[in-house]
PDB file of N, CA and C in Angstrom:
ATOM      1  N   MET A   1     -49.855 223.996   8.365  1.00  0.00           N
ATOM      2  CA  MET A   1     -51.046 224.735   8.417  1.00  0.00           C
ATOM      3  C   MET A   1     -51.798 224.760   9.783  1.00  0.00           C
ATOM      4  N   LYS A   2     -52.039 226.083  10.117  1.00  0.00           N
ATOM      5  CA  LYS A   2     -52.610 226.274  11.463  1.00  0.00           C
ATOM      6  C   LYS A   2     -54.060 226.017  11.441  1.00  0.00           C
ATOM      7  N   ASN A   3     -54.569 226.218  10.384  1.00  0.00           N
ATOM      8  CA  ASN A   3     -56.206 226.067  10.437  1.00  0.00           C
ATOM      9  C   ASN A   3     -56.479 224.615  10.031  1.00  0.00           C
ATOM     10  N   PRO A   4     -57.377 223.999  10.985  1.00  0.00           N
ATOM     11  CA  PRO A   4     -57.591 222.687  10.658  1.00  0.00           C
ATOM     12  C   PRO A   4     -58.570 222.539   9.667  1.00  0.00           C
ATOM     13  N   TRP A   5     -59.535 223.533   9.300  1.00  0.00           N
ATOM     14  CA  TRP A   5     -60.442 223.552   8.361  1.00  0.00           C
ATOM     15  C   TRP A   5     -59.743 223.290   6.893  1.00  0.00           C
ATOM     16  N   ILE A   6     -58.631 224.056   6.641  1.00  0.00           N
ATOM     17  CA  ILE A   6     -58.090 224.184   5.384  1.00  0.00           C
ATOM     18  C   ILE A   6     -57.256 222.918   5.314  1.00  0.00           C
ATOM     19  N   LYS A   7     -56.572 222.243   6.160  1.00  0.00           N
ATOM     20  CA  LYS A   7     -55.906 221.303   6.140  1.00  0.00           C
ATOM     21  C   LYS A   7     -56.600 220.010   5.841  1.00  0.00           C
ATOM     22  N   TYR A   8     -57.924 219.788   6.464  1.00  0.00           N
ATOM     23  CA  TYR A   8     -58.760 218.882   6.301  1.00  0.00           C
ATOM     24  C   TYR A   8     -59.392 218.950   4.839  1.00  0.00           C
ATOM     25  N   LEU A   9     -59.711 220.056   4.551  1.00  0.00           N
ATOM     26  CA  LEU A   9     -60.173 220.414   3.036  1.00  0.00           C
ATOM     27  C   LEU A   9     -59.309 220.105   2.005  1.00  0.00           C
ATOM     28  N   VAL A  10     -58.106 220.510   2.161  1.00  0.00           N
ATOM     29  CA  VAL A  10     -57.025 220.142   1.198  1.00  0.00           C
ATOM     30  C   VAL A  10     -56.718 218.567   1.107  1.00  0.00           C
ATOM     31  N   LEU A  11     -56.656 217.912   2.140  1.00  0.00           N
ATOM     32  CA  LEU A  11     -56.587 216.601   2.066  1.00  0.00           C
ATOM     33  C   LEU A  11     -57.642 215.683   1.411  1.00  0.00           C
ATOM     34  N   ARG A  12     -58.800 216.217   1.706  1.00  0.00           N
ATOM     35  CA  ARG A  12     -60.160 215.418   1.104  1.00  0.00           C
ATOM     36  C   ARG A  12     -60.168 215.818  -0.369  1.00  0.00           C
ATOM     37  N   LEU A  13     -59.831 217.225  -0.748  1.00  0.00           N
ATOM     38  CA  LEU A  13     -60.121 217.619  -2.096  1.00  0.00           C
ATOM     39  C   LEU A  13     -58.848 216.933  -2.938  1.00  0.00           C
ATOM     40  N   GLY A  14     -57.684 216.648  -2.346  1.00  0.00           N
ATOM     41  CA  GLY A  14     -56.495 216.283  -3.072  1.00  0.00           C
ATOM     42  C   GLY A  14     -56.734 214.823  -3.365  1.00  0.00           C
ATOM     43  N   THR A  15     -57.267 214.011  -2.274  1.00  0.00           N
ATOM     44  CA  THR A  15     -57.467 212.678  -2.556  1.00  0.00           C
ATOM     45  C   THR A  15     -58.531 212.409  -3.603  1.00  0.00           C
ATOM     46  N   PHE A  16     -59.510 213.200  -3.781  1.00  0.00           N
ATOM     47  CA  PHE A  16     -60.688 213.001  -4.736  1.00  0.00           C
ATOM     48  C   PHE A  16     -59.898 213.404  -6.053  1.00  0.00           C
ATOM     49  N   LEU A  17     -59.306 214.506  -6.287  1.00  0.00           N
ATOM     50  CA  LEU A  17     -58.592 214.764  -7.427  1.00  0.00           C
ATOM     51  C   LEU A  17     -57.383 213.886  -8.044  1.00  0.00           C
ATOM     52  N   VAL A  18     -56.653 213.265  -7.097  1.00  0.00           N
ATOM     53  CA  VAL A  18     -55.723 212.146  -7.310  1.00  0.00           C
ATOM     54  C   VAL A  18     -56.584 210.938  -8.262  1.00  0.00           C
ATOM     55  N   ILE A  19     -57.395 210.537  -7.200  1.00  0.00           N
ATOM     56  CA  ILE A  19     -58.104 209.319  -7.759  1.00  0.00           C
ATOM     57  C   ILE A  19     -59.031 209.579  -8.970  1.00  0.00           C
ATOM     58  N   LEU A  20     -59.701 210.841  -9.156  1.00  0.00           N
ATOM     59  CA  LEU A  20     -60.390 211.273 -10.412  1.00  0.00           C
ATOM     60  C   LEU A  20     -59.201 211.189 -11.572  1.00  0.00           C
ATOM     61  N   GLY A  21     -58.223 211.945 -11.379  1.00  0.00           N
ATOM     62  CA  GLY A  21     -57.143 211.988 -12.314  1.00  0.00           C
ATOM     63  C   GLY A  21     -56.594 210.715 -12.783  1.00  0.00           C
ATOM     64  N   GLY A  22     -56.363 209.691 -11.952  1.00  0.00           N
ATOM     65  CA  GLY A  22     -55.980 208.493 -12.128  1.00  0.00           C
ATOM     66  C   GLY A  22     -57.020 207.739 -13.186  1.00  0.00           C
ATOM     67  N   MET A  23     -58.262 207.926 -12.684  1.00  0.00           N
ATOM     68  CA  MET A  23     -59.364 207.068 -13.357  1.00  0.00           C
ATOM     69  C   MET A  23     -59.599 207.707 -14.798  1.00  0.00           C
ATOM     70  N   LEU A  24     -59.454 208.963 -14.955  1.00  0.00           N
ATOM     71  CA  LEU A  24     -59.644 209.606 -16.320  1.00  0.00           C
ATOM     72  C   LEU A  24     -58.377 209.442 -17.091  1.00  0.00           C
ATOM     73  N   ALA A  25     -57.038 209.092 -16.528  1.00  0.00           N
ATOM     74  CA  ALA A  25     -55.892 208.787 -17.174  1.00  0.00           C
ATOM     75  C   ALA A  25     -56.294 207.309 -17.796  1.00  0.00           C
ATOM     76  N   LEU A  26     -56.966 206.442 -17.104  1.00  0.00           N
ATOM     77  CA  LEU A  26     -57.206 205.287 -17.580  1.00  0.00           C
ATOM     78  C   LEU A  26     -58.408 205.110 -18.592  1.00  0.00           C
ATOM     79  N   ARG A  27     -58.915 206.374 -18.910  1.00  0.00           N
ATOM     80  CA  ARG A  27     -59.954 206.504 -19.884  1.00  0.00           C
ATOM     81  C   ARG A  27     -61.168 205.963 -19.382  1.00  0.00           C
ATOM     82  N   PHE A  28     -61.562 206.004 -18.063  1.00  0.00           N
ATOM     83  CA  PHE A  28     -63.005 205.442 -17.654  1.00  0.00           C
ATOM     84  C   PHE A  28     -63.891 206.829 -18.014  1.00  0.00           C
ATOM     85  N   ASP A  29     -65.123 206.400 -18.015  1.00  0.00           N
ATOM     86  CA  ASP A  29     -66.207 207.420 -18.349  1.00  0.00           C
ATOM     87  C   ASP A  29     -66.104 208.593 -17.143  1.00  0.00           C
ATOM     88  N   ALA A  30     -66.312 209.797 -17.647  1.00  0.00           N
ATOM     89  CA  ALA A  30     -66.162 211.028 -16.689  1.00  0.00           C
ATOM     90  C   ALA A  30     -67.243 210.750 -15.477  1.00  0.00           C
ATOM     91  N   TYR A  31     -68.463 210.546 -15.797  1.00  0.00           N
ATOM     92  CA  TYR A  31     -69.390 210.528 -14.794  1.00  0.00           C
ATOM     93  C   TYR A  31     -69.141 209.431 -13.909  1.00  0.00           C
ATOM     94  N   PHE A  32     -68.823 208.110 -14.305  1.00  0.00           N
ATOM     95  CA  PHE A  32     -68.618 207.106 -13.470  1.00  0.00           C
ATOM     96  C   PHE A  32     -67.212 207.256 -12.543  1.00  0.00           C
ATOM     97  N   SER A  33     -66.118 207.939 -13.365  1.00  0.00           N
ATOM     98  CA  SER A  33     -65.160 208.286 -12.518  1.00  0.00           C
ATOM     99  C   SER A  33     -65.300 209.248 -11.263  1.00  0.00           C
ATOM    100  N   THR A  34     -66.114 210.193 -11.597  1.00  0.00           N
ATOM    101  CA  THR A  34     -66.369 211.220 -10.628  1.00  0.00           C
ATOM    102  C   THR A  34     -67.261 210.513  -9.326  1.00  0.00           C
ATOM    103  N   PHE A  35     -68.153 209.787  -9.620  1.00  0.00           N
ATOM    104  CA  PHE A  35     -69.007 208.917  -8.609  1.00  0.00           C
ATOM    105  C   PHE A  35     -67.834 207.987  -7.745  1.00  0.00           C
ATOM    106  N   ILE A  36     -67.146 207.337  -8.538  1.00  0.00           N
ATOM    107  CA  ILE A  36     -66.130 206.286  -7.857  1.00  0.00           C
ATOM    108  C   ILE A  36     -65.017 207.101  -7.008  1.00  0.00           C
ATOM    109  N   ALA A  37     -64.523 208.351  -7.657  1.00  0.00           N
ATOM    110  CA  ALA A  37     -63.573 208.944  -6.879  1.00  0.00           C
ATOM    111  C   ALA A  37     -63.939 209.541  -5.669  1.00  0.00           C
ATOM    112  N   ALA A  38     -65.407 210.197  -5.791  1.00  0.00           N
ATOM    113  CA  ALA A  38     -65.994 210.705  -4.380  1.00  0.00           C
ATOM    114  C   ALA A  38     -66.380 209.515  -3.410  1.00  0.00           C
ATOM    115  N   THR A  39     -66.588 208.517  -3.861  1.00  0.00           N
ATOM    116  CA  THR A  39     -66.921 207.347  -2.857  1.00  0.00           C
ATOM    117  C   THR A  39     -65.505 206.862  -2.322  1.00  0.00           C
ATOM    118  N   MET A  40     -64.573 206.818  -3.104  1.00  0.00           N
ATOM    119  CA  MET A  40     -63.303 206.384  -2.471  1.00  0.00           C
ATOM    120  C   MET A  40     -62.619 207.338  -1.602  1.00  0.00           C
ATOM    121  N   ALA A  41     -62.759 208.622  -2.014  1.00  0.00           N
ATOM    122  CA  ALA A  41     -62.209 209.690  -1.306  1.00  0.00           C
ATOM    123  C   ALA A  41     -62.817 209.945   0.132  1.00  0.00           C
ATOM    124  N   LEU A  42     -64.289 209.675   0.093  1.00  0.00           N
ATOM    125  CA  LEU A  42     -64.902 209.554   1.330  1.00  0.00           C
ATOM    126  C   LEU A  42     -64.434 208.499   2.275  1.00  0.00           C
ATOM    127  N   ALA A  43     -64.575 207.262   1.785  1.00  0.00           N
ATOM    128  CA  ALA A  43     -63.790 206.126   2.462  1.00  0.00           C
ATOM    129  C   ALA A  43     -62.580 205.996   2.957  1.00  0.00           C
ATOM    130  N   LEU A  44     -61.682 206.721   1.987  1.00  0.00           N
ATOM    131  CA  LEU A  44     -60.193 206.822   2.601  1.00  0.00           C
ATOM    132  C   LEU A  44     -60.261 207.924   3.614  1.00  0.00           C
ATOM    133  N   SER A  45     -61.030 208.936   3.544  1.00  0.00           N
ATOM    134  CA  SER A  45     -60.939 210.001   4.481  1.00  0.00           C
ATOM    135  C   SER A  45     -61.456 209.509   5.997  1.00  0.00           C
ATOM    136  N   LEU A  46     -62.249 208.679   5.856  1.00  0.00           N
ATOM    137  CA  LEU A  46     -62.984 208.042   7.146  1.00  0.00           C
ATOM    138  C   LEU A  46     -61.963 207.221   7.690  1.00  0.00           C
ATOM    139  N   LEU A  47     -61.101 206.416   6.996  1.00  0.00           N
ATOM    140  CA  LEU A  47     -60.167 205.501   7.496  1.00  0.00           C
ATOM    141  C   LEU A  47     -59.074 206.147   8.061  1.00  0.00           C
ATOM    142  N   PHE A  48     -58.434 207.226   7.300  1.00  0.00           N
ATOM    143  CA  PHE A  48     -57.130 207.702   7.412  1.00  0.00           C
ATOM    144  C   PHE A  48     -56.987 209.103   7.931  1.00  0.00           C
ATOM    145  N   PHE A  49     -58.160 209.840   7.866  1.00  0.00           N
ATOM    146  CA  PHE A  49     -57.982 211.396   8.265  1.00  0.00           C
ATOM    147  C   PHE A  49     -58.516 211.601   9.472  1.00  0.00           C
ATOM    148  N   SER A  50     -58.726 210.709  10.488  1.00  0.00           N
ATOM    149  CA  SER A  50     -59.402 210.907  11.837  1.00  0.00           C
ATOM    150  C   SER A  50     -58.730 212.037  12.638  1.00  0.00           C
ATOM    151  N   LYS A  51     -57.358 212.154  12.639  1.00  0.00           N
ATOM    152  CA  LYS A  51     -56.741 213.267  13.394  1.00  0.00           C
ATOM    153  C   LYS A  51     -57.176 214.476  12.777  1.00  0.00           C
ATOM    154  N   GLN A  52     -57.279 214.761  11.656  1.00  0.00           N
ATOM    155  CA  GLN A  52     -57.714 215.842  11.070  1.00  0.00           C
ATOM    156  C   GLN A  52     -59.301 216.041  11.234  1.00  0.00           C
ATOM    157  N   ARG A  53     -60.076 215.259  11.202  1.00  0.00           N
ATOM    158  CA  ARG A  53     -61.372 215.196  11.532  1.00  0.00           C
ATOM    159  C   ARG A  53     -61.838 215.693  13.102  1.00  0.00           C
ATOM    160  N   ASP A  54     -60.868 215.205  13.972  1.00  0.00           N
ATOM    161  CA  ASP A  54     -60.949 215.582  15.530  1.00  0.00           C
ATOM    162  C   ASP A  54     -60.444 216.938  15.619  1.00  0.00           C
ATOM    163  N   ALA A  55     -59.500 217.419  14.798  1.00  0.00           N
ATOM    164  CA  ALA A  55     -58.947 218.835  14.995  1.00  0.00           C
ATOM    165  C   ALA A  55     -60.168 219.615  14.491  1.00  0.00           C
ATOM    166  N   VAL A  56     -60.853 219.260  13.385  1.00  0.00           N
ATOM    167  CA  VAL A  56     -61.888 220.303  12.868  1.00  0.00           C
ATOM    168  C   VAL A  56     -63.117 220.168  13.857  1.00  0.00           C
ATOM    169  N   SER A  57     -63.395 219.053  14.564  1.00  0.00           N
ATOM    170  CA  SER A  57     -64.454 219.105  15.361  1.00  0.00           C
ATOM    171  C   SER A  57     -64.090 219.745  16.728  1.00  0.00           C
ATOM    172  N   LYS A  58     -62.890 219.827  16.978  1.00  0.00           N
ATOM    173  CA  LYS A  58     -62.312 220.485  18.163  1.00  0.00           C
ATOM    174  C   LYS A  58     -62.317 222.089  18.071  1.00  0.00           C
ATOM    175  N   SER A  59     -62.148 222.489  16.825  1.00  0.00           N
ATOM    176  CA  SER A  59     -62.169 223.877  16.420  1.00  0.00           C
ATOM    177  C   SER A  59     -63.705 224.319  16.444  1.00  0.00           C
ATOM    178  N   ILE A  60     -64.485 223.606  15.936  1.00  0.00           N
ATOM    179  CA  ILE A  60     -65.869 223.914  15.980  1.00  0.00           C
ATOM    180  C   ILE A  60     -66.480 224.001  17.562  1.00  0.00           C
ATOM    181  N   TYR A  61     -66.085 222.920  18.230  1.00  0.00           N
ATOM    182  CA  TYR A  61     -66.484 222.901  19.648  1.00  0.00           C
ATOM    183  C   TYR A  61     -65.899 224.308  20.323  1.00  0.00           C
ATOM    184  N   GLU A  62     -64.715 224.678  20.168  1.00  0.00           N
ATOM    185  CA  GLU A  62     -64.057 225.922  20.864  1.00  0.00           C
ATOM    186  C   GLU A  62     -64.685 227.110  20.403  1.00  0.00           C
ATOM    187  N   ALA A  63     -65.161 227.180  19.109  1.00  0.00           N
ATOM    188  CA  ALA A  63     -65.875 228.198  18.553  1.00  0.00           C
ATOM    189  C   ALA A  63     -67.167 228.517  18.954  1.00  0.00           C
ATOM    190  N   ARG A  64     -67.965 227.521  19.321  1.00  0.00           N
ATOM    191  CA  ARG A  64     -69.287 227.545  19.934  1.00  0.00           C
ATOM    192  C   ARG A  64     -69.107 227.811  21.492  1.00  0.00           C
ATOM    193  N   ASN A  65     -68.143 227.306  22.071  1.00  0.00           N
ATOM    194  CA  ASN A  65     -68.156 227.501  23.455  1.00  0.00           C
ATOM    195  C   ASN A  65     -67.076 228.414  24.142  1.00  0.00           C
ATOM    196  N   LYS A  66     -66.684 229.437  23.159  1.00  0.00           N
ATOM    197  CA  LYS A  66     -65.562 230.223  23.583  1.00  0.00           C
ATOM    198  C   LYS A  66     -66.038 231.367  24.628  1.00  0.00           C
ATOM    199  N   LYS A  67     -65.138 231.878  25.345  1.00  0.00           N
ATOM    200  CA  LYS A  67     -65.407 232.812  26.387  1.00  0.00           C
ATOM    201  C   LYS A  67     -65.749 234.081  25.884  1.00  0.00           C
ATOM    202  N   ASN A  68     -66.461 234.890  26.401  1.00  0.00           N
ATOM    203  CA  ASN A  68     -66.840 236.188  25.807  1.00  0.00           C
ATOM    204  C   ASN A  68     -65.566 237.188  25.793  1.00  0.00           C
ATOM    205  N   ASP A  69     -65.639 238.038  24.972  1.00  0.00           N
ATOM    206  CA  ASP A  69     -64.509 238.739  24.615  1.00  0.00           C
ATOM    207  C   ASP A  69     -64.638 240.036  25.796  1.00  0.00           C
ATOM    208  N   LYS A  70     -63.577 240.979  25.774  1.00  0.00           N
ATOM    209  CA  LYS A  70     -63.536 241.994  26.767  1.00  0.00           C
ATOM    210  C   LYS A  70     -64.885 242.894  26.582  1.00  0.00           C
ATOM    211  N   ASP A  71     -65.032 243.298  25.563  1.00  0.00           N
ATOM    212  CA  ASP A  71     -66.298 244.157  25.384  1.00  0.00           C
ATOM    213  C   ASP A  71     -67.437 243.603  25.914  1.00  0.00           C
ATOM    214  N   SER A  72     -67.664 242.340  25.744  1.00  0.00           N
ATOM    215  CA  SER A  72     -68.950 241.577  26.161  1.00  0.00           C
ATOM    216  C   SER A  72     -68.898 241.524  27.756  1.00  0.00           C
ATOM    217  N   ASP A  73     -67.858 241.233  28.281  1.00  0.00           N
ATOM    218  CA  ASP A  73     -67.543 241.341  29.821  1.00  0.00           C
ATOM    219  C   ASP A  73     -67.864 242.611  30.223  1.00  0.00           C
ATOM    220  N   HIS A  74     -67.411 243.755  29.864  1.00  0.00           N
ATOM    221  CA  HIS A  74     -67.698 245.044  30.167  1.00  0.00           C
ATOM    222  C   HIS A  74     -69.107 245.213  30.142  1.00  0.00           C
ATOM    223  N   GLU A  75     -69.764 244.863  29.104  1.00  0.00           N
ATOM    224  CA  GLU A  75     -71.165 245.052  28.927  1.00  0.00           C
ATOM    225  C   GLU A  75     -71.930 244.721  29.902  1.00  0.00           C
ATOM    226  N   ASP A  76     -71.479 243.267  30.305  1.00  0.00           N
ATOM    227  CA  ASP A  76     -72.284 242.532  31.183  1.00  0.00           C
ATOM    228  C   ASP A  76     -72.142 243.089  32.598  1.00  0.00           C
ATOM    229  N   SER A  77     -70.846 243.489  32.966  1.00  0.00           N
ATOM    230  CA  SER A  77     -70.798 244.013  34.309  1.00  0.00           C
ATOM    231  C   SER A  77     -71.467 245.501  34.349  1.00  0.00           C
ATOM    232  N   ALA A  78     -71.569 246.162  33.259  1.00  0.00           N
ATOM    233  CA  ALA A  78     -72.441 247.446  33.409  1.00  0.00           C
ATOM    234  C   ALA A  78     -73.718 247.105  33.486  1.00  0.00           C
ATOM    235  N   ILE A  79     -74.280 246.169  32.974  1.00  0.00           N
ATOM    236  CA  ILE A  79     -75.884 245.765  33.158  1.00  0.00           C
ATOM    237  C   ILE A  79     -75.909 245.270  34.383  1.00  0.00           C
ATOM    238  N   ASP A  80     -75.016 244.626  35.052  1.00  0.00           N
ATOM    239  CA  ASP A  80     -75.203 244.079  36.420  1.00  0.00           C
ATOM    240  C   ASP A  80     -75.121 245.198  37.384  1.00  0.00           C
ATOM    241  N   LYS A  81     -74.421 246.211  37.216  1.00  0.00           N
ATOM    242  CA  LYS A  81     -74.537 247.396  38.211  1.00  0.00           C
ATOM    243  C   LYS A  81     -75.805 248.105  38.104  1.00  0.00           C
ATOM    244  N   GLU A  82     -76.201 248.255  36.679  1.00  0.00           N
ATOM    245  CA  GLU A  82     -77.545 248.880  36.727  1.00  0.00           C
ATOM    246  C   GLU A  82     -78.727 248.222  37.381  1.00  0.00           C
ATOM    247  N   GLU A  83     -78.564 247.074  37.310  1.00  0.00           N
ATOM    248  CA  GLU A  83     -79.613 246.164  37.972  1.00  0.00           C
ATOM    249  C   GLU A  83     -79.512 246.068  39.318  1.00  0.00           C
ATOM    250  N   SER A  84     -78.307 246.147  39.950  1.00  0.00           N
ATOM    251  CA  SER A  84     -78.246 246.270  41.423  1.00  0.00           C
ATOM    252  C   SER A  84     -78.573 247.651  42.010  1.00  0.00           C
ATOM    253  N   ASN A  85     -78.780 248.641  41.305  1.00  0.00           N
ATOM    254  CA  ASN A  85     -79.065 249.808  41.794  1.00  0.00           C
ATOM    255  C   ASN A  85     -80.566 250.120  41.798  1.00  0.00           C
TER     256      ASN A  85
END
C-alpha cells in the first residue's frame, strides 16, 4: 500500500477486530470485550507499529511543509513584479 494512513488504519483496526472476535468467541461480555480489545490494540500498536506511525507522521509533516505548486509560484512572481513597479 502506498498510503501510510490506510496501512496504519488497517493494521490498527485489524488488530482490534481480531482481539474482539477472539474474546467474543470465548463468550466474554460484549462491552467488556470491546474495552479490552481497544486497550490491547492500542498497546500492541504502540509496541509493534512504530514504522507505520513514523510513516504517517512523515506524511503529515510533508503535507504541512510542502513546496508551493506552480500556480502559487506564478502568482507570487506576478505580485512581486507589481510591487517592484
